[in-house]
Structure formats: C-alpha cells, structure tokens
C-alpha cells in the first residue's frame, strides 16, 4: 500500500460541511510499505536534475533540505530564503557540510525579508520543488504562490493557524491536482513503518473496535522569547514564532498536531465537535502561550478523543498516544519508538500481545522519498486534504480552549476569524497583529471572553 491519495472531488472549500469534506477524499493508506520498497540506489539512468529551493531556514527547514537531497536521482539545492540573513547563512553552512556536492546557492540566490519566498521560487523552473518551513502563519501564502509557479511542494506542519488559512490550503490542493503537481505534508508519522504496522493490526481488530484515543504532549516549558534590541517588534515575534499564537497557531496546534493526527488515524475519521479548557497558570514569560490544555473531541458515532498538552517544569511527562478498544489497548504515536498492543487495559508485560520488533525507518526521510519518487515517476501524490483535516482538528481544539465554547467542525472550517488579517500585505515595516502594552505584556486568550468565531 502507498500513501498516494485517491483523487479527490473538486468540492469548493467554502461553506463545507464535515460530511461533504469527508466524502471528497479517499481513505488514507499508511505509506510505510511503499517506503520500504522504494529503491535507495539504482537510478543511474535518471538524468533529470531536480532543483530545490528552501524557504524557511531554521532547524526543521535545514533538516528537510538534507532529506530532499538524499532522495533518488540527482537533486540540487538551488536557492534559499529566510526572513533573517544570519539564519540563512548558518543553514547554508550546515547543509554544505552534509551534502557539499549538491549545494549551488551563490549570493544572488540567497534571499531575505518577507518577500524572499517569491524570489527563491522565481529562480526555479516549472516541475522543480520548494520546501516550505517558515512559521505556519505564512504557509498558505507560500503554497499558493508555489502552485501558481508550477512547483511541487513539501510543506512542513502546521499548514495554517485558522479556518481561513485551512480553506486556502484546500484550494491550493485542488489547484495542484488540476495541474498534476505533487504536495507532501510534514505529518511524518503517517510514514513510520512501526506505526503503520500497529495501525494495520488495530484496524484489523486486534484490540476490538476503537472507542477512545488520547493524544499527549507533556514536557518542560517552551523557551522564553529573546529580543534583539536593534530589531523591530515584527522581527522579534517572527524570531520567536513559537511564542505567538498568530504565527504558530498555539502550542496545542503546532506541537501536538502529530499525535492529534495519529489519534484521528485510529478512527480513520475526524471529529464533529470539541470542548476544552486551558490557561496560563505557571508561565511568567512575556508572550501569548497557555501552559496547559485539556481537550475532548466527539466523533459522529459518539466516541471520544482526548488531547492533553502541557509544558511546565516538575510535572508528569509523556509524549505519545493511548488507544482503548472494546477488547484491548495500545500505546503508539510520536514519542513511542516501538508501538505495543495489549489485551485488556492494564498494560503489563503479561498482557502484551504484540510489540514492533522489525527494522525501523526514518519517517522524516521517507516523506521526502515518497514525494520525489512520485515526481520522477509521475505518480499522483497529494497529501493536502488529510493534512488539512488534522490541522483543522487541532485548530478547533485551540479555539475551544481559548474561548471556553463548544466548537463544531463546520464552525471551525467556515470561520472568518483570522489571527493575522492582511498578512499578504505585510512588509518589514509592518506592526504584527498583536502588540505589547506599556508593561511589555501581550494579550492572552481568556476563556469565556475571547471570541472564537
């Protein structure tokens, strides 16, 4: 089986119901079986070099480009773009160290600033690849431009921070299919060999019918933002994007999205509604972060999914997904190297019925292997809709926690509330959508008062 999605309908992304949304897509296959079958060598007959541009040169972007350069056939890093020149240059040095013979990025193909993404993509030819790893607020803008230029896309998670961004991403996916362009999304756990095997067993009924899934991300605090006295407020917030909701959608969205995706995979479905709570009890840093979230989703069949996130010192830590079926349970997901299935619900050694023992893959590499394989062999490949569904699931959870309201899928998808209105028109002189008060404090959501829709 492969992760190549079945062709989806051309239903408009505006005013969609959840039922219509689900009806437009085929079921997602794991992709790990194809990944294990892909050749890692032996493409000597391939003579077409694919040029790559990296947009967003942080740690994840730098890792992504090394993985892209490690795929089948000749691949070359051609251009780079980042808001900050220092980050671009440090990334370039790191990539050169890893793949020195595949880097051709002279000074005139190194672009900085908010419009750098356009210049980097303009330097490519149709059919080349752009890797998008900027803060998530910019993702839909960049994907849209890439598709207009005839480029294949790898888009790192998250893919949007609000309902309007999700709808924009969906339209990009539809246009990509029309143009036969490939889009891969950075929810790499879908391409994990151990996780795919565990999911196959669960879907085959080894723990019975899945009743509940719990997605967790519990660990120490996200770092405090650091300010460059010479920089602008926009510089500061972009440099510390993990601390500002308009840029990354919240800790809940951008950090827990992988295990939310895994928990939805358990059901092969997405929820119809959500309610939750969260707040900022311990954190004192001057940013917008909640330090804890507790979220309960409901599916159409009445079953539930719980998502729990916390980043604080001195607390219980866990990173993974728990699943309960009618006959047993499982532990799996991001943060769990070897998934395990149990009879019953006491996860003790004597109740273990299966644990992954085979060879493991690097799912970060596999997601690029699959994308480039599809490009070189002209296979259909578009992960946009599945990625958007999991992203929307996370966004509606954040909306519920920040507002205190119960939020339906359709409300979240069709919401017109933008976290950064007019972002397309920003330049380096723009003020960000949130500004500090006289004490340097930023607005923080307040359940019961903050607007959700």
Protein backbone atom coordinates (compact mmCIF):
# COMPACT_ATOMS: atom_id res chain seq x y z
CA UNK A 1 0.00 0.00 0.00
CA UNK A 2 1.14 3.56 -0.60
CA UNK A 3 0.33 6.97 0.79
CA UNK A 4 -0.70 8.16 -2.64
CA UNK A 5 -4.19 9.56 -2.13
CA UNK A 6 -7.11 8.65 -4.31
CA UNK A 7 -8.25 11.55 -6.49
CA UNK A 8 -10.46 13.88 -4.50
CA UNK A 9 -13.52 15.76 -5.70
CA UNK A 10 -13.48 19.42 -6.67
CA UNK A 11 -15.98 20.43 -3.98
CA UNK A 12 -15.43 24.06 -3.08
CA UNK A 13 -13.60 24.64 0.20
CA UNK A 14 -16.06 27.37 1.22
CA UNK A 15 -19.14 26.54 3.32
CA UNK A 16 -18.22 22.87 3.53
CA UNK A 17 -19.91 20.57 5.98
CA UNK A 18 -17.87 17.87 7.66
CA UNK A 19 -19.89 15.22 5.78
CA UNK A 20 -19.09 16.82 2.42
CA UNK A 21 -15.46 17.23 3.44
CA UNK A 22 -15.07 13.54 4.33
CA UNK A 23 -16.93 12.47 1.20
CA UNK A 24 -14.43 14.20 -1.08
CA UNK A 25 -11.43 12.11 -0.05
CA UNK A 26 -10.40 8.50 -0.30
CA UNK A 27 -9.21 6.66 2.78
CA UNK A 28 -5.57 7.25 3.59
CA UNK A 29 -3.14 4.34 3.40
CA UNK A 30 -0.10 4.19 5.62
CA UNK A 31 2.68 4.60 3.09
CA UNK A 32 5.27 2.68 5.04
CA UNK A 33 5.00 -0.44 2.89
CA UNK A 34 5.81 1.55 -0.22
CA UNK A 35 8.56 3.35 1.65
CA UNK A 36 10.26 0.07 2.49
CA UNK A 37 10.06 -0.98 -1.17
CA UNK A 38 11.48 2.22 -2.64
CA UNK A 39 14.99 1.82 -4.01
CA UNK A 40 17.61 3.94 -2.27
CA UNK A 41 20.10 3.41 -5.13
CA UNK A 42 19.97 2.24 -8.70
CA UNK A 43 18.62 5.25 -10.57
CA UNK A 44 21.69 5.71 -12.75
CA UNK A 45 19.52 6.07 -15.84
CA UNK A 46 17.81 9.13 -14.36
CA UNK A 47 19.44 12.24 -15.85
CA UNK A 48 16.99 14.97 -14.87
CA UNK A 49 18.24 17.11 -12.03
CA UNK A 50 15.54 18.48 -9.73
CA UNK A 51 16.32 21.91 -8.33
CA UNK A 52 15.16 22.70 -4.81
CA UNK A 53 14.51 25.99 -3.04
CA UNK A 54 14.34 26.13 0.74
CA UNK A 55 12.00 28.75 2.21
CA UNK A 56 12.46 28.94 5.96
CA UNK A 57 15.99 28.11 7.09
CA UNK A 58 15.52 27.11 10.73
CA UNK A 59 16.37 23.71 12.13
CA UNK A 60 13.43 21.90 10.56
CA UNK A 61 13.99 23.53 7.18
CA UNK A 62 17.68 22.64 7.25
CA UNK A 63 16.82 19.04 8.10
CA UNK A 64 14.19 18.88 5.37
CA UNK A 65 16.56 20.04 2.66
CA UNK A 66 19.19 17.46 3.63
CA UNK A 67 16.49 14.80 3.38
CA UNK A 68 15.36 16.11 0.00
CA UNK A 69 18.96 15.97 -1.24
CA UNK A 70 19.16 12.35 -0.04
CA UNK A 71 16.37 11.09 -2.32
CA UNK A 72 16.64 9.10 -5.54
CA UNK A 73 18.26 10.68 -8.60
CA UNK A 74 20.13 13.96 -8.96
CA UNK A 75 18.86 16.75 -6.70
CA UNK A 76 20.44 20.17 -6.18
CA UNK A 77 19.85 22.92 -3.62
CA UNK A 78 19.42 25.94 -5.86
CA UNK A 79 18.05 28.81 -3.77
CA UNK A 80 17.33 29.75 -0.16
CA UNK A 81 15.05 32.26 1.50
CA UNK A 82 14.55 33.37 5.09
CA UNK A 83 13.41 36.47 6.94
CA UNK A 84 16.83 36.66 8.62
CA UNK A 85 20.13 36.62 6.72
CA UNK A 86 22.01 35.16 9.70
CA UNK A 87 19.73 32.16 9.85
CA UNK A 88 20.01 31.61 6.09
CA UNK A 89 23.80 31.65 6.21
CA UNK A 90 24.03 29.28 9.17
CA UNK A 91 21.63 26.88 7.46
CA UNK A 92 23.61 27.05 4.22
CA UNK A 93 26.81 26.19 6.08
CA UNK A 94 25.16 23.24 7.80
CA UNK A 95 23.71 21.83 4.57
CA UNK A 96 27.02 22.26 2.74
CA UNK A 97 28.70 20.23 5.45
CA UNK A 98 26.20 17.39 4.99
CA UNK A 99 25.81 17.40 1.18
CA UNK A 100 28.66 19.51 -0.25
CA UNK A 101 28.35 18.28 -3.85
CA UNK A 102 24.65 19.13 -4.11
CA UNK A 103 24.64 22.77 -2.99
CA UNK A 104 24.76 25.53 -5.59
CA UNK A 105 23.47 28.63 -3.83
CA UNK A 106 25.55 31.65 -4.83
CA UNK A 107 24.92 35.02 -3.11
CA UNK A 108 22.47 36.11 -5.81
CA UNK A 109 20.19 33.16 -4.96
CA UNK A 110 20.09 33.90 -1.21
CA UNK A 111 17.02 35.99 -0.43
CA UNK A 112 15.88 37.63 2.79
CA UNK A 113 12.82 39.51 4.02
CA UNK A 114 9.10 38.87 3.82
CA UNK A 115 9.10 38.70 0.00
CA UNK A 116 12.12 36.38 -0.15
CA UNK A 117 9.89 33.37 -0.84
CA UNK A 118 8.81 34.80 -4.19
CA UNK A 119 12.37 35.44 -5.33
CA UNK A 120 13.51 31.95 -4.38
CA UNK A 121 10.60 30.31 -6.21
CA UNK A 122 11.05 32.60 -9.23
CA UNK A 123 14.58 31.21 -9.62
CA UNK A 124 13.23 27.68 -10.18
CA UNK A 125 11.75 26.10 -13.29
CA UNK A 126 8.33 24.50 -13.53
CA UNK A 127 8.48 21.00 -12.10
CA UNK A 128 11.13 21.85 -9.51
CA UNK A 129 10.49 21.61 -5.75
CA UNK A 130 10.09 24.14 -2.97
CA UNK A 131 10.40 23.18 0.68
CA UNK A 132 8.30 25.41 2.95
CA UNK A 133 9.35 25.57 6.59
CA UNK A 134 8.56 29.11 7.73
CA UNK A 135 6.23 29.84 10.68
CA UNK A 136 2.82 28.30 9.91
CA UNK A 137 1.01 31.65 9.51
CA UNK A 138 2.75 32.08 6.14
CA UNK A 139 2.20 28.54 4.85
CA UNK A 140 -0.94 29.08 2.78
CA UNK A 141 0.50 32.23 1.18
CA UNK A 142 3.64 30.36 0.17
CA UNK A 143 1.87 27.20 -1.05
CA UNK A 144 -0.45 29.32 -3.16
CA UNK A 145 2.47 31.07 -4.84
CA UNK A 146 4.30 27.79 -5.40
CA UNK A 147 1.32 26.22 -7.16
CA UNK A 148 0.90 29.34 -9.32
CA UNK A 149 4.54 28.89 -10.42
CA UNK A 150 4.08 25.21 -11.31
CA UNK A 151 6.23 23.88 -8.47
CA UNK A 152 5.94 20.70 -6.43
CA UNK A 153 5.71 21.36 -2.69
CA UNK A 154 6.85 19.95 0.60
CA UNK A 155 5.03 21.88 3.33
CA UNK A 156 6.12 21.42 6.90
CA UNK A 157 3.47 21.26 9.58
CA UNK A 158 1.48 23.19 10.64
CA UNK A 159 -0.27 24.22 7.45
CA UNK A 160 -2.49 27.02 8.76
CA UNK A 161 -3.42 28.72 12.04
CA UNK A 162 -7.13 29.42 11.47
CA UNK A 163 -10.16 28.47 9.38
CA UNK A 164 -9.46 30.91 6.53
CA UNK A 165 -5.94 29.51 6.23
CA UNK A 166 -7.26 25.94 6.08
CA UNK A 167 -9.69 26.86 3.29
CA UNK A 168 -6.86 28.50 1.38
CA UNK A 169 -4.69 25.40 1.73
CA UNK A 170 -7.56 23.24 0.47
CA UNK A 171 -7.93 25.39 -2.63
CA UNK A 172 -4.19 25.04 -3.23
CA UNK A 173 -4.55 21.27 -3.05
CA UNK A 174 -7.35 21.31 -5.61
CA UNK A 175 -5.33 23.50 -7.98
CA UNK A 176 -2.28 21.26 -7.55
CA UNK A 177 -4.31 18.23 -8.62
CA UNK A 178 -5.59 20.12 -11.64
CA UNK A 179 -2.00 20.95 -12.63
CA UNK A 180 -0.63 17.48 -11.77
CA UNK A 181 1.63 18.96 -9.09
CA UNK A 182 2.64 16.94 -6.03
CA UNK A 183 2.21 18.15 -2.44
CA UNK A 184 3.65 16.40 0.60
CA UNK A 185 2.85 17.47 4.16
CA UNK A 186 5.09 17.20 7.19
CA UNK A 187 2.96 14.84 9.30
CA UNK A 188 5.73 12.28 9.04
CA UNK A 189 4.25 9.76 11.50
CA UNK A 190 1.94 8.60 8.68
CA UNK A 191 5.11 7.24 7.05
CA UNK A 192 6.52 5.42 10.09
CA UNK A 193 6.94 1.67 9.47
CA UNK A 194 6.35 0.70 13.15
CA UNK A 195 3.29 2.92 13.46
CA UNK A 196 1.83 1.73 10.16
CA UNK A 197 2.12 -1.89 11.30
CA UNK A 198 0.46 -1.06 14.61
CA UNK A 199 -2.38 0.75 12.85
CA UNK A 200 -2.93 -2.15 10.47
CA UNK A 201 -3.30 -4.51 13.41
CA UNK A 202 -5.66 -2.14 15.21
CA UNK A 203 -7.79 -1.63 12.11
CA UNK A 204 -7.83 -5.41 11.64
CA UNK A 205 -9.49 -5.67 15.07
CA UNK A 206 -6.71 -6.90 17.35
CA UNK A 207 -7.91 -4.65 20.21
CA UNK A 208 -11.55 -4.69 19.10
CA UNK A 209 -13.42 -1.61 17.91
CA UNK A 210 -11.59 1.59 18.85
CA UNK A 211 -13.57 3.52 21.47
CA UNK A 212 -11.22 6.24 22.70
CA UNK A 213 -7.83 7.72 21.85
CA UNK A 214 -5.71 10.02 23.98
CA UNK A 215 -3.09 12.28 22.38
CA UNK A 216 -0.42 13.60 24.75
CA UNK A 217 2.45 16.06 24.68
CA UNK A 218 3.71 16.73 28.21
CA UNK A 219 7.21 18.08 28.81
CA UNK A 220 9.26 21.04 30.05
CA UNK A 221 8.47 24.65 29.16
CA UNK A 222 8.85 26.27 25.76
CA UNK A 223 11.77 28.66 25.95
CA UNK A 224 11.27 32.32 26.80
CA UNK A 225 11.40 34.74 23.84
CA UNK A 226 14.69 36.57 23.32
CA UNK A 227 14.74 40.11 21.98
CA UNK A 228 17.35 41.74 19.75
CA UNK A 229 17.39 45.39 20.90
CA UNK A 230 18.14 46.52 17.34
CA UNK A 231 15.22 44.67 15.81
CA UNK A 232 11.61 45.69 15.25
CA UNK A 233 8.59 44.20 17.00
CA UNK A 234 7.87 42.15 13.88
CA UNK A 235 11.47 40.89 13.85
CA UNK A 236 11.11 39.86 17.50
CA UNK A 237 7.88 37.95 17.04
CA UNK A 238 8.99 36.13 13.89
CA UNK A 239 12.28 35.16 15.57
CA UNK A 240 10.24 33.75 18.48
CA UNK A 241 7.29 32.44 16.48
CA UNK A 242 6.65 29.52 18.86
CA UNK A 243 5.61 32.08 21.49
CA UNK A 244 2.94 33.90 19.45
CA UNK A 245 -0.42 32.41 18.50
CA UNK A 246 -0.86 34.33 15.25
CA UNK A 247 2.38 32.80 13.95
CA UNK A 248 2.21 29.17 15.06
CA UNK A 249 -1.44 28.68 16.00
CA UNK A 250 -0.54 27.92 19.65
CA UNK A 251 1.47 25.25 21.43
CA UNK A 252 -1.56 22.98 21.14
CA UNK A 253 -1.76 23.25 17.35
CA UNK A 254 1.86 23.33 16.27
CA UNK A 255 3.34 20.94 18.83
CA UNK A 256 0.58 18.40 19.44
CA UNK A 257 -0.55 18.13 15.80
CA UNK A 258 1.38 14.90 15.14
CA UNK A 259 -0.35 12.92 17.88
CA UNK A 260 -3.72 14.52 17.12
CA UNK A 261 -3.20 13.19 13.60
CA UNK A 262 -2.29 9.74 14.95
CA UNK A 263 -5.34 9.67 17.24
CA UNK A 264 -7.62 10.55 14.29
CA UNK A 265 -5.91 7.82 12.26
CA UNK A 266 -7.03 5.34 14.91
CA UNK A 267 -10.62 6.11 13.96
CA UNK A 268 -10.00 6.80 10.26
CA UNK A 269 -12.21 9.79 10.86
CA UNK A 270 -12.22 13.36 12.13
CA UNK A 271 -14.36 14.78 14.96
CA UNK A 272 -17.64 16.64 14.67
CA UNK A 273 -17.20 18.84 17.76
CA UNK A 274 -14.86 19.74 20.59
CA UNK A 275 -14.88 21.36 24.00
CA UNK A 276 -11.92 22.02 26.24
CA UNK A 277 -10.09 24.18 28.71
CA UNK A 278 -6.68 25.67 29.10
CA UNK A 279 -4.80 28.53 30.62
CA UNK A 280 -1.62 30.17 31.76
CA UNK A 281 -1.14 29.27 35.38
CA UNK A 282 2.62 28.98 35.82
CA UNK A 283 4.21 30.71 32.86
CA UNK A 284 5.51 34.24 33.53
CA UNK A 285 7.30 34.93 30.23
CA UNK A 286 6.06 37.84 28.15
CA UNK A 287 4.36 36.02 25.29
CA UNK A 288 0.96 34.52 24.44
CA UNK A 289 1.39 30.90 25.47
CA UNK A 290 -1.04 28.88 27.53
CA UNK A 291 0.95 26.37 29.57
CA UNK A 292 -1.75 23.67 29.71
CA UNK A 293 -4.65 22.34 27.62
CA UNK A 294 -7.26 19.64 28.15
CA UNK A 295 -9.48 18.93 25.13
CA UNK A 296 -12.31 16.45 24.46
CA UNK A 297 -13.37 15.71 20.89
CA UNK A 298 -16.53 13.87 19.84
CA UNK A 299 -16.86 11.79 16.66
CA UNK A 300 -20.04 11.25 14.66
CA UNK A 301 -20.54 7.81 16.27
CA UNK A 302 -20.39 9.33 19.76
CA UNK A 303 -16.94 8.04 20.65
CA UNK A 304 -14.38 10.43 22.11
CA UNK A 305 -10.79 11.54 21.69
CA UNK A 306 -8.90 13.42 24.37
CA UNK A 307 -5.88 15.62 23.75
CA UNK A 308 -3.75 16.84 26.61
CA UNK A 309 -0.81 19.21 26.36
CA UNK A 310 1.37 20.87 28.98
CA UNK A 311 4.80 22.47 29.04
CA UNK A 312 5.94 23.13 32.59
CA UNK A 313 8.71 22.15 34.99
CA UNK A 314 8.28 19.49 37.65
CA UNK A 315 5.23 17.77 36.12
CA UNK A 316 4.45 14.31 34.75
CA UNK A 317 5.91 13.96 31.26
CA UNK A 318 4.58 11.78 28.48
CA UNK A 319 4.65 12.01 24.71
CA UNK A 320 2.55 9.54 22.74
CA UNK A 321 -0.95 8.19 22.08
CA UNK A 322 -3.02 5.74 24.10
CA UNK A 323 -5.84 3.79 22.45
CA UNK A 324 -8.66 1.80 24.02
CA UNK A 325 -10.70 -0.69 22.05
CA UNK A 326 -13.51 -2.97 23.12
CA UNK A 327 -11.05 -5.81 23.75
CA UNK A 328 -7.70 -4.21 24.45
CA UNK A 329 -5.45 -1.20 24.33
CA UNK A 330 -2.37 0.18 22.60
CA UNK A 331 0.42 2.67 23.09
CA UNK A 332 1.82 4.29 19.95
CA UNK A 333 2.37 7.60 18.17
CA UNK A 334 5.06 10.25 18.06
CA UNK A 335 7.37 9.72 21.02
CA UNK A 336 6.81 5.93 21.12
CA UNK A 337 9.58 4.15 19.21
CA UNK A 338 8.12 0.65 19.48
CA UNK A 339 4.30 0.54 19.42
CA UNK A 340 2.66 -2.10 21.61
CA UNK A 341 -0.76 -3.77 21.75
CA UNK A 342 -2.27 -5.34 24.89
CA UNK A 343 -5.22 -7.49 25.79
CA UNK A 344 -7.36 -5.59 28.23
CA UNK A 345 -6.43 -2.21 29.64
CA UNK A 346 -3.68 -2.98 32.14
CA UNK A 347 -0.58 -2.51 30.00
CA UNK A 348 1.61 -5.02 31.85
CA UNK A 349 4.12 -7.47 30.33
CA UNK A 350 1.84 -10.48 30.77
CA UNK A 351 -0.90 -8.72 28.76
CA UNK A 352 1.35 -7.79 25.83
CA UNK A 353 0.05 -9.32 22.59
CA UNK A 354 2.30 -7.53 20.08
CA UNK A 355 5.29 -5.20 20.02
CA UNK A 356 7.07 -3.92 16.91
CA UNK A 357 10.41 -5.71 16.56
CA UNK A 358 11.29 -5.25 12.89
CA UNK A 359 13.59 -2.78 11.12
CA UNK A 360 12.58 0.86 11.55
CA UNK A 361 12.71 3.66 9.04
CA UNK A 362 13.30 7.39 9.41
CA UNK A 363 9.85 8.83 8.62
CA UNK A 364 11.35 12.29 8.03
CA UNK A 365 13.38 10.79 5.21
CA UNK A 366 10.55 8.60 3.96
CA UNK A 367 8.17 11.53 3.42
CA UNK A 368 10.73 13.03 1.01
CA UNK A 369 11.48 9.68 -0.63
CA UNK A 370 7.80 9.29 -1.45
CA UNK A 371 7.42 12.82 -2.78
CA UNK A 372 10.45 12.68 -5.07
CA UNK A 373 9.56 9.16 -6.21
CA UNK A 374 6.13 10.45 -7.26
CA UNK A 375 7.67 13.40 -9.08
CA UNK A 376 10.19 11.30 -11.01
CA UNK A 377 7.66 8.64 -11.96
CA UNK A 378 4.69 11.00 -12.47
CA UNK A 379 2.52 9.30 -9.86
CA UNK A 380 -0.43 11.04 -8.19
CA UNK A 381 0.63 12.39 -4.82
CA UNK A 382 -1.29 14.96 -2.83
CA UNK A 383 -1.47 14.91 0.98
CA UNK A 384 -3.16 18.30 1.25
CA UNK A 385 -6.64 17.27 2.35
CA UNK A 386 -5.58 14.78 5.01
CA UNK A 387 -3.08 17.27 6.41
CA UNK A 388 -5.72 20.00 6.44
CA UNK A 389 -8.18 17.77 8.31
CA UNK A 390 -5.74 17.01 11.10
CA UNK A 391 -4.65 20.64 11.24
CA UNK A 392 -8.29 21.78 11.49
CA UNK A 393 -8.85 19.26 14.28
CA UNK A 394 -6.03 20.91 16.23
CA UNK A 395 -7.24 24.44 15.40
CA UNK A 396 -10.78 23.75 16.62
CA UNK A 397 -9.31 22.41 19.87
CA UNK A 398 -7.37 25.63 20.35
CA UNK A 399 -10.50 27.65 19.56
CA UNK A 400 -12.48 25.75 22.20
CA UNK A 401 -9.83 26.17 24.87
CA UNK A 402 -9.29 29.87 24.27
CA UNK A 403 -12.99 30.75 24.10
CA UNK A 404 -14.49 28.22 26.50
CA UNK A 405 -17.09 27.39 23.84
CA UNK A 406 -18.07 24.10 22.28
CA UNK A 407 -16.92 24.31 18.64
CA UNK A 408 -18.22 22.22 15.77
CA UNK A 409 -16.17 21.09 12.81
CA UNK A 410 -18.28 23.13 10.40
CA UNK A 411 -17.97 26.27 12.54
CA UNK A 412 -14.19 25.96 12.63
CA UNK A 413 -13.87 25.25 8.91
CA UNK A 414 -16.14 28.11 7.87
CA UNK A 415 -14.95 30.65 10.44
CA UNK A 416 -13.85 34.01 9.02
CA UNK A 417 -11.82 34.97 12.09
CA UNK A 418 -8.20 35.49 11.01
CA UNK A 419 -5.36 35.64 13.51
CA UNK A 420 -3.33 37.94 11.21
CA UNK A 421 -5.69 39.86 8.91
CA UNK A 422 -3.98 41.24 5.81
CA UNK A 423 -0.82 39.17 6.25
CA UNK A 424 -0.30 39.01 2.48
CA UNK A 425 0.38 42.74 2.50
CA UNK A 426 2.89 42.82 5.36
CA UNK A 427 6.40 44.21 4.88
CA UNK A 428 9.34 44.67 7.23
CA UNK A 429 7.89 47.98 8.48
CA UNK A 430 4.54 46.44 9.45
CA UNK A 431 3.41 46.04 13.02
CA UNK A 432 2.33 42.50 13.92
CA UNK A 433 -1.33 41.86 14.74
CA UNK A 434 -0.59 41.73 18.48
CA UNK A 435 1.46 44.40 20.25
CA UNK A 436 2.77 44.67 23.82
CA UNK A 437 1.21 47.02 26.32
CA UNK A 438 3.12 49.60 28.37
CA UNK A 439 4.44 46.81 30.60
CA UNK A 440 5.61 44.68 27.68
CA UNK A 441 2.77 42.18 28.17
CA UNK A 442 0.95 40.59 25.24
CA UNK A 443 -2.76 39.77 25.01
CA UNK A 444 -3.51 36.25 26.25
CA UNK A 445 -6.76 34.45 25.48
CA UNK A 446 -9.34 34.33 28.29
CA UNK A 447 -11.92 31.52 28.22
CA UNK A 448 -15.43 32.92 28.35
CA UNK A 449 -14.31 36.26 26.93
CA UNK A 450 -12.13 35.57 23.90
CA UNK A 451 -14.01 35.44 20.60
CA UNK A 452 -13.89 32.04 18.91
CA UNK A 453 -15.57 32.68 15.55
